[in-house]
PDB file of N, CA and C in Angstrom:
ATOM      1  N   MET A   1     -23.656-187.520 -95.738  1.00  0.00           N
ATOM      2  CA  MET A   1     -24.734-187.665 -94.793  1.00  0.00           C
ATOM      3  C   MET A   1     -24.857-189.103 -94.314  1.00  0.00           C
ATOM      4  N   ALA A   2     -24.458-190.051 -95.132  1.00  0.00           N
ATOM      5  CA  ALA A   2     -24.587-191.443 -94.753  1.00  0.00           C
ATOM      6  C   ALA A   2     -23.620-191.822 -93.640  1.00  0.00           C
ATOM      7  N   PHE A   3     -22.543-191.065 -93.452  1.00  0.00           N
ATOM      8  CA  PHE A   3     -21.535-191.400 -92.460  1.00  0.00           C
ATOM      9  C   PHE A   3     -21.802-190.758 -91.104  1.00  0.00           C
ATOM     10  N   MET A   4     -22.890-190.030 -90.963  1.00  0.00           N
ATOM     11  CA  MET A   4     -23.205-189.401 -89.688  1.00  0.00           C
ATOM     12  C   MET A   4     -23.751-190.435 -88.717  1.00  0.00           C
ATOM     13  N   THR A   5     -23.306-190.354 -87.482  1.00  0.00           N
ATOM     14  CA  THR A   5     -23.827-191.257 -86.459  1.00  0.00           C
ATOM     15  C   THR A   5     -25.191-190.756 -85.994  1.00  0.00           C
ATOM     16  N   ASP A   6     -25.902-191.622 -85.284  1.00  0.00           N
ATOM     17  CA  ASP A   6     -27.206-191.233 -84.752  1.00  0.00           C
ATOM     18  C   ASP A   6     -27.067-190.083 -83.761  1.00  0.00           C
ATOM     19  N   ARG A   7     -26.022-190.128 -82.948  1.00  0.00           N
ATOM     20  CA  ARG A   7     -25.824-189.057 -81.971  1.00  0.00           C
ATOM     21  C   ARG A   7     -25.585-187.725 -82.666  1.00  0.00           C
ATOM     22  N   LYS A   8     -24.812-187.729 -83.748  1.00  0.00           N
ATOM     23  CA  LYS A   8     -24.535-186.492 -84.476  1.00  0.00           C
ATOM     24  C   LYS A   8     -25.827-185.907 -85.050  1.00  0.00           C
ATOM     25  N   ARG A   9     -26.717-186.746 -85.541  1.00  0.00           N
ATOM     26  CA  ARG A   9     -27.982-186.261 -86.082  1.00  0.00           C
ATOM     27  C   ARG A   9     -28.882-185.701 -84.985  1.00  0.00           C
ATOM     28  N   VAL A  10     -28.857-186.302 -83.801  1.00  0.00           N
ATOM     29  CA  VAL A  10     -29.703-185.861 -82.695  1.00  0.00           C
ATOM     30  C   VAL A  10     -29.206-184.543 -82.121  1.00  0.00           C
ATOM     31  N   ILE A  11     -27.898-184.418 -81.954  1.00  0.00           N
ATOM     32  CA  ILE A  11     -27.342-183.200 -81.364  1.00  0.00           C
ATOM     33  C   ILE A  11     -27.595-182.005 -82.270  1.00  0.00           C
ATOM     34  N   GLY A  12     -27.465-182.186 -83.577  1.00  0.00           N
ATOM     35  CA  GLY A  12     -27.779-181.119 -84.508  1.00  0.00           C
ATOM     36  C   GLY A  12     -26.714-180.040 -84.618  1.00  0.00           C
ATOM     37  N   LEU A  13     -25.508-180.310 -84.165  1.00  0.00           N
ATOM     38  CA  LEU A  13     -24.446-179.320 -84.275  1.00  0.00           C
ATOM     39  C   LEU A  13     -23.797-179.416 -85.643  1.00  0.00           C
ATOM     40  N   GLY A  14     -23.386-178.283 -86.170  1.00  0.00           N
ATOM     41  CA  GLY A  14     -22.707-178.254 -87.459  1.00  0.00           C
ATOM     42  C   GLY A  14     -21.257-178.660 -87.324  1.00  0.00           C
ATOM     43  N   SER A  15     -20.490-178.457 -88.372  1.00  0.00           N
ATOM     44  CA  SER A  15     -19.104-178.891 -88.387  1.00  0.00           C
ATOM     45  C   SER A  15     -18.249-178.089 -87.416  1.00  0.00           C
ATOM     46  N   ALA A  16     -18.591-176.834 -87.167  1.00  0.00           N
ATOM     47  CA  ALA A  16     -17.800-176.014 -86.254  1.00  0.00           C
ATOM     48  C   ALA A  16     -18.210-176.231 -84.803  1.00  0.00           C
ATOM     49  N   LYS A  17     -19.351-176.824 -84.545  1.00  0.00           N
ATOM     50  CA  LYS A  17     -19.865-177.161 -83.224  1.00  0.00           C
ATOM     51  C   LYS A  17     -20.174-175.947 -82.358  1.00  0.00           C
ATOM     52  N   SER A  18     -20.279-174.765 -82.948  1.00  0.00           N
ATOM     53  CA  SER A  18     -20.564-173.589 -82.131  1.00  0.00           C
ATOM     54  C   SER A  18     -21.586-172.666 -82.771  1.00  0.00           C
ATOM     55  N   GLY A  19     -22.128-173.022 -83.903  1.00  0.00           N
ATOM     56  CA  GLY A  19     -23.064-172.139 -84.596  1.00  0.00           C
ATOM     57  C   GLY A  19     -24.343-171.896 -83.822  1.00  0.00           C
ATOM     58  N   THR A  20     -24.895-172.916 -83.207  1.00  0.00           N
ATOM     59  CA  THR A  20     -26.128-172.766 -82.441  1.00  0.00           C
ATOM     60  C   THR A  20     -25.895-171.901 -81.213  1.00  0.00           C
ATOM     61  N   ASP A  21     -24.782-172.131 -80.534  1.00  0.00           N
ATOM     62  CA  ASP A  21     -24.449-171.332 -79.353  1.00  0.00           C
ATOM     63  C   ASP A  21     -24.254-169.867 -79.731  1.00  0.00           C
ATOM     64  N   HIS A  22     -23.554-169.622 -80.822  1.00  0.00           N
ATOM     65  CA  HIS A  22     -23.322-168.248 -81.287  1.00  0.00           C
ATOM     66  C   HIS A  22     -24.651-167.577 -81.639  1.00  0.00           C
ATOM     67  N   PHE A  23     -25.533-168.307 -82.306  1.00  0.00           N
ATOM     68  CA  PHE A  23     -26.842-167.772 -82.671  1.00  0.00           C
ATOM     69  C   PHE A  23     -27.644-167.388 -81.427  1.00  0.00           C
ATOM     70  N   TRP A  24     -27.659-168.272 -80.416  1.00  0.00           N
ATOM     71  CA  TRP A  24     -28.430-167.987 -79.206  1.00  0.00           C
ATOM     72  C   TRP A  24     -27.860-166.816 -78.428  1.00  0.00           C
ATOM     73  N   LYS A  25     -26.530-166.726 -78.356  1.00  0.00           N
ATOM     74  CA  LYS A  25     -25.925-165.585 -77.671  1.00  0.00           C
ATOM     75  C   LYS A  25     -26.286-164.284 -78.379  1.00  0.00           C
ATOM     76  N   THR A  26     -26.256-164.297 -79.697  1.00  0.00           N
ATOM     77  CA  THR A  26     -26.620-163.105 -80.461  1.00  0.00           C
ATOM     78  C   THR A  26     -28.085-162.752 -80.241  1.00  0.00           C
ATOM     79  N   THR A  27     -28.946-163.745 -80.218  1.00  0.00           N
ATOM     80  CA  THR A  27     -30.366-163.508 -80.000  1.00  0.00           C
ATOM     81  C   THR A  27     -30.636-162.968 -78.598  1.00  0.00           C
ATOM     82  N   VAL A  28     -29.992-163.544 -77.605  1.00  0.00           N
ATOM     83  CA  VAL A  28     -30.189-163.089 -76.221  1.00  0.00           C
ATOM     84  C   VAL A  28     -29.704-161.650 -76.050  1.00  0.00           C
ATOM     85  N   THR A  29     -28.540-161.312 -76.615  1.00  0.00           N
ATOM     86  CA  THR A  29     -28.055-159.939 -76.495  1.00  0.00           C
ATOM     87  C   THR A  29     -28.949-158.972 -77.274  1.00  0.00           C
ATOM     88  N   SER A  30     -29.531-159.423 -78.369  1.00  0.00           N
ATOM     89  CA  SER A  30     -30.463-158.565 -79.111  1.00  0.00           C
ATOM     90  C   SER A  30     -31.693-158.239 -78.274  1.00  0.00           C
ATOM     91  N   VAL A  31     -32.238-159.242 -77.616  1.00  0.00           N
ATOM     92  CA  VAL A  31     -33.410-159.022 -76.766  1.00  0.00           C
ATOM     93  C   VAL A  31     -33.034-158.140 -75.576  1.00  0.00           C
ATOM     94  N   ALA A  32     -31.862-158.358 -75.007  1.00  0.00           N
ATOM     95  CA  ALA A  32     -31.414-157.515 -73.897  1.00  0.00           C
ATOM     96  C   ALA A  32     -31.284-156.071 -74.354  1.00  0.00           C
ATOM     97  N   LEU A  33     -30.766-155.857 -75.551  1.00  0.00           N
ATOM     98  CA  LEU A  33     -30.622-154.498 -76.065  1.00  0.00           C
ATOM     99  C   LEU A  33     -31.971-153.845 -76.351  1.00  0.00           C
ATOM    100  N   LEU A  34     -32.995-154.655 -76.652  1.00  0.00           N
ATOM    101  CA  LEU A  34     -34.338-154.093 -76.835  1.00  0.00           C
ATOM    102  C   LEU A  34     -34.839-153.429 -75.559  1.00  0.00           C
ATOM    103  N   VAL A  35     -34.415-153.921 -74.414  1.00  0.00           N
ATOM    104  CA  VAL A  35     -34.811-153.341 -73.130  1.00  0.00           C
ATOM    105  C   VAL A  35     -33.841-152.235 -72.710  1.00  0.00           C
ATOM    106  N   VAL A  36     -32.562-152.479 -72.882  1.00  0.00           N
ATOM    107  CA  VAL A  36     -31.534-151.583 -72.355  1.00  0.00           C
ATOM    108  C   VAL A  36     -31.429-150.281 -73.151  1.00  0.00           C
ATOM    109  N   VAL A  37     -31.539-150.338 -74.471  1.00  0.00           N
ATOM    110  CA  VAL A  37     -31.357-149.126 -75.289  1.00  0.00           C
ATOM    111  C   VAL A  37     -32.414-148.063 -74.979  1.00  0.00           C
ATOM    112  N   PRO A  38     -33.712-148.386 -74.936  1.00  0.00           N
ATOM    113  CA  PRO A  38     -34.669-147.336 -74.563  1.00  0.00           C
ATOM    114  C   PRO A  38     -34.439-146.795 -73.153  1.00  0.00           C
ATOM    115  N   MET A  39     -34.100-147.684 -72.220  1.00  0.00           N
ATOM    116  CA  MET A  39     -33.815-147.248 -70.863  1.00  0.00           C
ATOM    117  C   MET A  39     -32.628-146.270 -70.862  1.00  0.00           C
ATOM    118  N   PHE A  40     -31.600-146.592 -71.631  1.00  0.00           N
ATOM    119  CA  PHE A  40     -30.426-145.732 -71.741  1.00  0.00           C
ATOM    120  C   PHE A  40     -30.774-144.397 -72.402  1.00  0.00           C
ATOM    121  N   LEU A  41     -31.550-144.448 -73.488  1.00  0.00           N
ATOM    122  CA  LEU A  41     -31.890-143.218 -74.201  1.00  0.00           C
ATOM    123  C   LEU A  41     -32.777-142.290 -73.376  1.00  0.00           C
ATOM    124  N   PHE A  42     -33.750-142.856 -72.652  1.00  0.00           N
ATOM    125  CA  PHE A  42     -34.615-142.016 -71.823  1.00  0.00           C
ATOM    126  C   PHE A  42     -33.875-141.440 -70.624  1.00  0.00           C
ATOM    127  N   THR A  43     -32.829-142.120 -70.198  1.00  0.00           N
ATOM    128  CA  THR A  43     -32.038-141.615 -69.076  1.00  0.00           C
ATOM    129  C   THR A  43     -31.067-140.531 -69.528  1.00  0.00           C
ATOM    130  N   PHE A  44     -30.410-140.752 -70.681  1.00  0.00           N
ATOM    131  CA  PHE A  44     -29.351-139.844 -71.103  1.00  0.00           C
ATOM    132  C   PHE A  44     -29.768-138.853 -72.183  1.00  0.00           C
ATOM    133  N   GLY A  45     -30.919-139.038 -72.755  1.00  0.00           N
ATOM    134  CA  GLY A  45     -31.401-138.079 -73.757  1.00  0.00           C
ATOM    135  C   GLY A  45     -31.543-136.665 -73.216  1.00  0.00           C
ATOM    136  N   PRO A  46     -32.160-136.492 -72.054  1.00  0.00           N
ATOM    137  CA  PRO A  46     -32.299-135.134 -71.503  1.00  0.00           C
ATOM    138  C   PRO A  46     -30.966-134.483 -71.129  1.00  0.00           C
ATOM    139  N   LEU A  47     -29.907-135.278 -71.036  1.00  0.00           N
ATOM    140  CA  LEU A  47     -28.607-134.722 -70.645  1.00  0.00           C
ATOM    141  C   LEU A  47     -27.836-134.112 -71.810  1.00  0.00           C
ATOM    142  N   LEU A  48     -28.322-134.295 -73.018  1.00  0.00           N
ATOM    143  CA  LEU A  48     -27.622-133.727 -74.172  1.00  0.00           C
ATOM    144  C   LEU A  48     -27.651-132.205 -74.083  1.00  0.00           C
ATOM    145  N   GLY A  49     -26.482-131.623 -74.100  1.00  0.00           N
ATOM    146  CA  GLY A  49     -26.378-130.178 -74.011  1.00  0.00           C
ATOM    147  C   GLY A  49     -26.438-129.637 -72.594  1.00  0.00           C
ATOM    148  N   ALA A  50     -26.539-130.503 -71.610  1.00  0.00           N
ATOM    149  CA  ALA A  50     -26.598-130.069 -70.212  1.00  0.00           C
ATOM    150  C   ALA A  50     -25.197-129.697 -69.731  1.00  0.00           C
ATOM    151  N   PRO A  51     -25.120-128.892 -68.712  1.00  0.00           N
ATOM    152  CA  PRO A  51     -23.801-128.542 -68.156  1.00  0.00           C
ATOM    153  C   PRO A  51     -23.084-129.761 -67.572  1.00  0.00           C
ATOM    154  N   TYR A  52     -21.774-129.682 -67.517  1.00  0.00           N
ATOM    155  CA  TYR A  52     -20.925-130.769 -67.035  1.00  0.00           C
ATOM    156  C   TYR A  52     -21.334-131.240 -65.640  1.00  0.00           C
ATOM    157  N   GLU A  53     -21.580-130.307 -64.742  1.00  0.00           N
ATOM    158  CA  GLU A  53     -21.911-130.651 -63.363  1.00  0.00           C
ATOM    159  C   GLU A  53     -23.213-131.445 -63.277  1.00  0.00           C
ATOM    160  N   GLU A  54     -24.185-131.083 -64.107  1.00  0.00           N
ATOM    161  CA  GLU A  54     -25.462-131.807 -64.108  1.00  0.00           C
ATOM    162  C   GLU A  54     -25.290-133.233 -64.626  1.00  0.00           C
ATOM    163  N   VAL A  55     -24.466-133.395 -65.647  1.00  0.00           N
ATOM    164  CA  VAL A  55     -24.213-134.729 -66.198  1.00  0.00           C
ATOM    165  C   VAL A  55     -23.522-135.607 -65.152  1.00  0.00           C
ATOM    166  N   ILE A  56     -22.518-135.056 -64.493  1.00  0.00           N
ATOM    167  CA  ILE A  56     -21.803-135.811 -63.456  1.00  0.00           C
ATOM    168  C   ILE A  56     -22.744-136.154 -62.299  1.00  0.00           C
ATOM    169  N   ALA A  57     -23.596-135.213 -61.902  1.00  0.00           N
ATOM    170  CA  ALA A  57     -24.548-135.471 -60.815  1.00  0.00           C
ATOM    171  C   ALA A  57     -25.525-136.578 -61.202  1.00  0.00           C
ATOM    172  N   THR A  58     -25.976-136.580 -62.458  1.00  0.00           N
ATOM    173  CA  THR A  58     -26.904-137.620 -62.918  1.00  0.00           C
ATOM    174  C   THR A  58     -26.221-138.978 -62.945  1.00  0.00           C
ATOM    175  N   LEU A  59     -24.983-139.031 -63.467  1.00  0.00           N
ATOM    176  CA  LEU A  59     -24.264-140.309 -63.545  1.00  0.00           C
ATOM    177  C   LEU A  59     -23.869-140.836 -62.168  1.00  0.00           C
ATOM    178  N   SER A  60     -23.888-139.990 -61.163  1.00  0.00           N
ATOM    179  CA  SER A  60     -23.548-140.430 -59.812  1.00  0.00           C
ATOM    180  C   SER A  60     -24.695-141.159 -59.129  1.00  0.00           C
ATOM    181  N   ARG A  61     -25.898-141.072 -59.685  1.00  0.00           N
ATOM    182  CA  ARG A  61     -27.044-141.793 -59.122  1.00  0.00           C
ATOM    183  C   ARG A  61     -27.023-143.252 -59.600  1.00  0.00           C
ATOM    184  N   PRO A  62     -27.582-144.164 -58.812  1.00  0.00           N
ATOM    185  CA  PRO A  62     -27.489-145.597 -59.156  1.00  0.00           C
ATOM    186  C   PRO A  62     -28.173-145.993 -60.468  1.00  0.00           C
ATOM    187  N   PHE A  63     -29.409-145.558 -60.700  1.00  0.00           N
ATOM    188  CA  PHE A  63     -30.129-146.020 -61.897  1.00  0.00           C
ATOM    189  C   PHE A  63     -29.437-145.611 -63.201  1.00  0.00           C
ATOM    190  N   PRO A  64     -29.050-144.354 -63.387  1.00  0.00           N
ATOM    191  CA  PRO A  64     -28.338-144.011 -64.618  1.00  0.00           C
ATOM    192  C   PRO A  64     -26.998-144.727 -64.767  1.00  0.00           C
ATOM    193  N   ALA A  65     -26.299-144.946 -63.651  1.00  0.00           N
ATOM    194  CA  ALA A  65     -25.019-145.642 -63.717  1.00  0.00           C
ATOM    195  C   ALA A  65     -25.212-147.105 -64.131  1.00  0.00           C
ATOM    196  N   VAL A  66     -26.202-147.748 -63.561  1.00  0.00           N
ATOM    197  CA  VAL A  66     -26.483-149.141 -63.926  1.00  0.00           C
ATOM    198  C   VAL A  66     -26.975-149.216 -65.368  1.00  0.00           C
ATOM    199  N   SER A  67     -27.789-148.272 -65.782  1.00  0.00           N
ATOM    200  CA  SER A  67     -28.281-148.222 -67.147  1.00  0.00           C
ATOM    201  C   SER A  67     -27.119-148.102 -68.143  1.00  0.00           C
ATOM    202  N   ALA A  68     -26.175-147.240 -67.844  1.00  0.00           N
ATOM    203  CA  ALA A  68     -25.010-147.072 -68.720  1.00  0.00           C
ATOM    204  C   ALA A  68     -24.137-148.321 -68.709  1.00  0.00           C
ATOM    205  N   ALA A  69     -23.972-148.942 -67.540  1.00  0.00           N
ATOM    206  CA  ALA A  69     -23.155-150.154 -67.451  1.00  0.00           C
ATOM    207  C   ALA A  69     -23.775-151.301 -68.250  1.00  0.00           C
ATOM    208  N   LEU A  70     -25.090-151.471 -68.126  1.00  0.00           N
ATOM    209  CA  LEU A  70     -25.767-152.523 -68.903  1.00  0.00           C
ATOM    210  C   LEU A  70     -25.656-152.263 -70.400  1.00  0.00           C
ATOM    211  N   MET A  71     -25.744-151.000 -70.792  1.00  0.00           N
ATOM    212  CA  MET A  71     -25.609-150.646 -72.205  1.00  0.00           C
ATOM    213  C   MET A  71     -24.202-150.980 -72.711  1.00  0.00           C
ATOM    214  N   LEU A  72     -23.197-150.660 -71.929  1.00  0.00           N
ATOM    215  CA  LEU A  72     -21.825-150.973 -72.320  1.00  0.00           C
ATOM    216  C   LEU A  72     -21.608-152.477 -72.448  1.00  0.00           C
ATOM    217  N   ILE A  73     -22.071-153.223 -71.460  1.00  0.00           N
ATOM    218  CA  ILE A  73     -21.838-154.669 -71.463  1.00  0.00           C
ATOM    219  C   ILE A  73     -22.591-155.348 -72.610  1.00  0.00           C
ATOM    220  N   ALA A  74     -23.885-155.106 -72.700  1.00  0.00           N
ATOM    221  CA  ALA A  74     -24.688-155.754 -73.745  1.00  0.00           C
ATOM    222  C   ALA A  74     -24.295-155.270 -75.131  1.00  0.00           C
ATOM    223  N   GLY A  75     -24.038-153.985 -75.259  1.00  0.00           N
ATOM    224  CA  GLY A  75     -23.699-153.427 -76.566  1.00  0.00           C
ATOM    225  C   GLY A  75     -22.385-153.944 -77.115  1.00  0.00           C
ATOM    226  N   PHE A  76     -21.347-153.919 -76.295  1.00  0.00           N
ATOM    227  CA  PHE A  76     -20.044-154.372 -76.786  1.00  0.00           C
ATOM    228  C   PHE A  76     -19.987-155.887 -76.950  1.00  0.00           C
ATOM    229  N   TYR A  77     -20.707-156.645 -76.123  1.00  0.00           N
ATOM    230  CA  TYR A  77     -20.742-158.095 -76.316  1.00  0.00           C
ATOM    231  C   TYR A  77     -21.484-158.437 -77.617  1.00  0.00           C
ATOM    232  N   HIS A  78     -22.581-157.760 -77.873  1.00  0.00           N
ATOM    233  CA  HIS A  78     -23.314-157.971 -79.118  1.00  0.00           C
ATOM    234  C   HIS A  78     -22.457-157.550 -80.317  1.00  0.00           C
ATOM    235  N   PHE A  79     -21.715-156.451 -80.162  1.00  0.00           N
ATOM    236  CA  PHE A  79     -20.797-156.015 -81.222  1.00  0.00           C
ATOM    237  C   PHE A  79     -19.762-157.093 -81.515  1.00  0.00           C
ATOM    238  N   ARG A  80     -19.181-157.689 -80.461  1.00  0.00           N
ATOM    239  CA  ARG A  80     -18.172-158.726 -80.662  1.00  0.00           C
ATOM    240  C   ARG A  80     -18.738-159.922 -81.412  1.00  0.00           C
ATOM    241  N   LEU A  81     -19.940-160.330 -81.042  1.00  0.00           N
ATOM    242  CA  LEU A  81     -20.568-161.458 -81.736  1.00  0.00           C
ATOM    243  C   LEU A  81     -20.845-161.129 -83.201  1.00  0.00           C
ATOM    244  N   GLY A  82     -21.350-159.927 -83.445  1.00  0.00           N
ATOM    245  CA  GLY A  82     -21.677-159.541 -84.816  1.00  0.00           C
ATOM    246  C   GLY A  82     -20.456-159.386 -85.691  1.00  0.00           C
ATOM    247  N   ILE A  83     -19.407-158.740 -85.179  1.00  0.00           N
ATOM    248  CA  ILE A  83     -18.214-158.540 -85.996  1.00  0.00           C
ATOM    249  C   ILE A  83     -17.501-159.866 -86.235  1.00  0.00           C
ATOM    250  N   GLN A  84     -17.598-160.790 -85.273  1.00  0.00           N
ATOM    251  CA  GLN A  84     -17.021-162.118 -85.484  1.00  0.00           C
ATOM    252  C   GLN A  84     -17.725-162.829 -86.629  1.00  0.00           C
ATOM    253  N   MET A  85     -19.036-162.698 -86.701  1.00  0.00           N
ATOM    254  CA  MET A  85     -19.796-163.320 -87.779  1.00  0.00           C
ATOM    255  C   MET A  85     -19.405-162.732 -89.139  1.00  0.00           C
ATOM    256  N   VAL A  86     -19.245-161.415 -89.187  1.00  0.00           N
ATOM    257  CA  VAL A  86     -18.847-160.759 -90.439  1.00  0.00           C
ATOM    258  C   VAL A  86     -17.456-161.217 -90.855  1.00  0.00           C
ATOM    259  N   ILE A  87     -16.531-161.278 -89.908  1.00  0.00           N
ATOM    260  CA  ILE A  87     -15.170-161.707 -90.213  1.00  0.00           C
ATOM    261  C   ILE A  87     -15.162-163.149 -90.708  1.00  0.00           C
ATOM    262  N   GLU A  88     -15.934-164.022 -90.062  1.00  0.00           N
ATOM    263  CA  GLU A  88     -15.988-165.423 -90.486  1.00  0.00           C
ATOM    264  C   GLU A  88     -16.565-165.564 -91.886  1.00  0.00           C
ATOM    265  N   ASP A  89     -17.483-164.681 -92.264  1.00  0.00           N
ATOM    266  CA  ASP A  89     -18.108-164.766 -93.574  1.00  0.00           C
ATOM    267  C   ASP A  89     -17.204-164.251 -94.692  1.00  0.00           C
ATOM    268  N   TYR A  90     -16.379-163.246 -94.415  1.00  0.00           N
ATOM    269  CA  TYR A  90     -15.673-162.561 -95.493  1.00  0.00           C
ATOM    270  C   TYR A  90     -14.161-162.685 -95.462  1.00  0.00           C
ATOM    271  N   MET A  91     -13.591-163.352 -94.490  1.00  0.00           N
ATOM    272  CA  MET A  91     -12.144-163.535 -94.443  1.00  0.00           C
ATOM    273  C   MET A  91     -11.833-165.019 -94.353  1.00  0.00           C
ATOM    274  N   GLU A  92     -10.573-165.375 -94.652  1.00  0.00           N
ATOM    275  CA  GLU A  92     -10.186-166.768 -94.553  1.00  0.00           C
ATOM    276  C   GLU A  92      -8.728-166.874 -94.138  1.00  0.00           C
ATOM    277  N   GLY A  93      -8.354-168.052 -93.677  1.00  0.00           N
ATOM    278  CA  GLY A  93      -6.973-168.322 -93.318  1.00  0.00           C
ATOM    279  C   GLY A  93      -6.559-167.697 -91.996  1.00  0.00           C
ATOM    280  N   LEU A  94      -5.255-167.422 -91.909  1.00  0.00           N
ATOM    281  CA  LEU A  94      -4.690-166.860 -90.693  1.00  0.00           C
ATOM    282  C   LEU A  94      -5.218-165.457 -90.414  1.00  0.00           C
ATOM    283  N   SER A  95      -5.487-164.687 -91.467  1.00  0.00           N
ATOM    284  CA  SER A  95      -5.998-163.328 -91.265  1.00  0.00           C
ATOM    285  C   SER A  95      -7.357-163.348 -90.560  1.00  0.00           C
ATOM    286  N   ARG A  96      -8.150-164.380 -90.797  1.00  0.00           N
ATOM    287  CA  ARG A  96      -9.443-164.509 -90.116  1.00  0.00           C
ATOM    288  C   ARG A  96      -9.240-164.684 -88.623  1.00  0.00           C
ATOM    289  N   LYS A  97      -8.336-165.578 -88.250  1.00  0.00           N
ATOM    290  CA  LYS A  97      -8.089-165.829 -86.833  1.00  0.00           C
ATOM    291  C   LYS A  97      -7.529-164.598 -86.139  1.00  0.00           C
ATOM    292  N   VAL A  98      -6.594-163.928 -86.796  1.00  0.00           N
ATOM    293  CA  VAL A  98      -5.994-162.722 -86.218  1.00  0.00           C
ATOM    294  C   VAL A  98      -7.051-161.634 -86.058  1.00  0.00           C
ATOM    295  N   ALA A  99      -7.890-161.447 -87.079  1.00  0.00           N
ATOM    296  CA  ALA A  99      -8.919-160.409 -87.021  1.00  0.00           C
ATOM    297  C   ALA A  99      -9.932-160.691 -85.908  1.00  0.00           C
ATOM    298  N   ILE A 100     -10.304-161.948 -85.722  1.00  0.00           N
ATOM    299  CA  ILE A 100     -11.261-162.294 -84.658  1.00  0.00           C
ATOM    300  C   ILE A 100     -10.655-162.004 -83.291  1.00  0.00           C
ATOM    301  N   VAL A 101      -9.393-162.373 -83.092  1.00  0.00           N
ATOM    302  CA  VAL A 101      -8.736-162.119 -81.806  1.00  0.00           C
ATOM    303  C   VAL A 101      -8.594-160.622 -81.564  1.00  0.00           C
ATOM    304  N   VAL A 102      -8.181-159.877 -82.585  1.00  0.00           N
ATOM    305  CA  VAL A 102      -8.003-158.426 -82.446  1.00  0.00           C
ATOM    306  C   VAL A 102      -9.332-157.753 -82.124  1.00  0.00           C
ATOM    307  N   MET A 103     -10.385-158.112 -82.834  1.00  0.00           N
ATOM    308  CA  MET A 103     -11.674-157.468 -82.593  1.00  0.00           C
ATOM    309  C   MET A 103     -12.265-157.872 -81.242  1.00  0.00           C
ATOM    310  N   ALA A 104     -12.007-159.082 -80.783  1.00  0.00           N
ATOM    311  CA  ALA A 104     -12.454-159.468 -79.439  1.00  0.00           C
ATOM    312  C   ALA A 104     -11.722-158.636 -78.394  1.00  0.00           C
ATOM    313  N   CYS A 105     -10.420-158.455 -78.588  1.00  0.00           N
ATOM    314  CA  CYS A 105      -9.649-157.624 -77.650  1.00  0.00           C
ATOM    315  C   CYS A 105     -10.123-156.177 -77.685  1.00  0.00           C
ATOM    316  N   VAL A 106     -10.411-155.662 -78.864  1.00  0.00           N
ATOM    317  CA  VAL A 106     -10.895-154.285 -78.977  1.00  0.00           C
ATOM    318  C   VAL A 106     -12.242-154.125 -78.281  1.00  0.00           C
ATOM    319  N   SER A 107     -13.163-155.049 -78.513  1.00  0.00           N
ATOM    320  CA  SER A 107     -14.493-154.905 -77.906  1.00  0.00           C
ATOM    321  C   SER A 107     -14.429-155.045 -76.393  1.00  0.00           C
ATOM    322  N   TYR A 108     -13.677-156.021 -75.885  1.00  0.00           N
ATOM    323  CA  TYR A 108     -13.567-156.167 -74.437  1.00  0.00           C
ATOM    324  C   TYR A 108     -12.779-155.006 -73.826  1.00  0.00           C
ATOM    325  N   GLY A 109     -11.787-154.511 -74.537  1.00  0.00           N
ATOM    326  CA  GLY A 109     -11.029-153.364 -74.052  1.00  0.00           C
ATOM    327  C   GLY A 109     -11.878-152.116 -73.953  1.00  0.00           C
ATOM    328  N   LEU A 110     -12.691-151.850 -74.973  1.00  0.00           N
ATOM    329  CA  LEU A 110     -13.582-150.692 -74.930  1.00  0.00           C
ATOM    330  C   LEU A 110     -14.650-150.843 -73.853  1.00  0.00           C
ATOM    331  N   MET A 111     -15.135-152.066 -73.660  1.00  0.00           N
ATOM    332  CA  MET A 111     -16.107-152.310 -72.600  1.00  0.00           C
ATOM    333  C   MET A 111     -15.474-152.028 -71.239  1.00  0.00           C
ATOM    334  N   ALA A 112     -14.273-152.519 -71.024  1.00  0.00           N
ATOM    335  CA  ALA A 112     -13.586-152.286 -69.752  1.00  0.00           C
ATOM    336  C   ALA A 112     -13.287-150.808 -69.547  1.00  0.00           C
ATOM    337  N   LEU A 113     -12.847-150.143 -70.605  1.00  0.00           N
ATOM    338  CA  LEU A 113     -12.561-148.714 -70.512  1.00  0.00           C
ATOM    339  C   LEU A 113     -13.814-147.930 -70.133  1.00  0.00           C
ATOM    340  N   GLY A 114     -14.932-148.250 -70.753  1.00  0.00           N
ATOM    341  CA  GLY A 114     -16.191-147.589 -70.445  1.00  0.00           C
ATOM    342  C   GLY A 114     -16.652-147.845 -69.023  1.00  0.00           C
ATOM    343  N   LEU A 115     -16.507-149.091 -68.558  1.00  0.00           N
ATOM    344  CA  LEU A 115     -16.937-149.427 -67.198  1.00  0.00           C
ATOM    345  C   LEU A 115     -16.048-148.760 -66.142  1.00  0.00           C
ATOM    346  N   VAL A 116     -14.737-148.727 -66.404  1.00  0.00           N
ATOM    347  CA  VAL A 116     -13.833-148.057 -65.461  1.00  0.00           C
ATOM    348  C   VAL A 116     -14.129-146.570 -65.421  1.00  0.00           C
ATOM    349  N   SER A 117     -14.346-145.977 -66.584  1.00  0.00           N
ATOM    350  CA  SER A 117     -14.673-144.541 -66.634  1.00  0.00           C
ATOM    351  C   SER A 117     -15.984-144.262 -65.904  1.00  0.00           C
ATOM    352  N   LEU A 118     -16.962-145.102 -66.122  1.00  0.00           N
ATOM    353  CA  LEU A 118     -18.244-144.938 -65.442  1.00  0.00           C
ATOM    354  C   LEU A 118     -18.097-145.102 -63.936  1.00  0.00           C
ATOM    355  N   ALA A 119     -17.281-146.058 -63.514  1.00  0.00           N
ATOM    356  CA  ALA A 119     -17.067-146.258 -62.082  1.00  0.00           C
ATOM    357  C   ALA A 119     -16.383-145.034 -61.457  1.00  0.00           C
ATOM    358  N   GLN A 120     -15.449-144.430 -62.186  1.00  0.00           N
ATOM    359  CA  GLN A 120     -14.786-143.241 -61.665  1.00  0.00           C
ATOM    360  C   GLN A 120     -15.761-142.078 -61.516  1.00  0.00           C
ATOM    361  N   ILE A 121     -16.685-141.977 -62.447  1.00  0.00           N
ATOM    362  CA  ILE A 121     -17.679-140.896 -62.372  1.00  0.00           C
ATOM    363  C   ILE A 121     -18.693-141.188 -61.268  1.00  0.00           C
ATOM    364  N   ALA A 122     -19.170-142.435 -61.203  1.00  0.00           N
ATOM    365  CA  ALA A 122     -20.257-142.771 -60.291  1.00  0.00           C
ATOM    366  C   ALA A 122     -19.812-142.861 -58.833  1.00  0.00           C
ATOM    367  N   LEU A 123     -18.556-143.151 -58.622  1.00  0.00           N
ATOM    368  CA  LEU A 123     -18.106-143.327 -57.224  1.00  0.00           C
ATOM    369  C   LEU A 123     -17.422-142.134 -56.698  1.00  0.00           C
TER     370      LEU A 123
END
């Protein structure tokens, strides 16, 4: 602690220099999900067990499509942040780096797949 500069103490960043940013991103996505999840559930809850044509007709309207898109984006981004935190806590070495890259690719890939599928249905 004696070797820290005044600037380092003022900035307040840890050794990795990204902990505060990661925390804020996780917090912001959590708050976004507090709004998006109920909106998504109230939109798609009545569609459970509905015929295929009714589901497609509902997803073709703007509000349900935007609701699903926001859920995909916020949900998978929050998932990526959370799984990265778990990997950083419980893995070490090269396997940690590989696992973080793989899980980031998986989360962004699933997000893209969901958005493309939604766009095909909605358009």
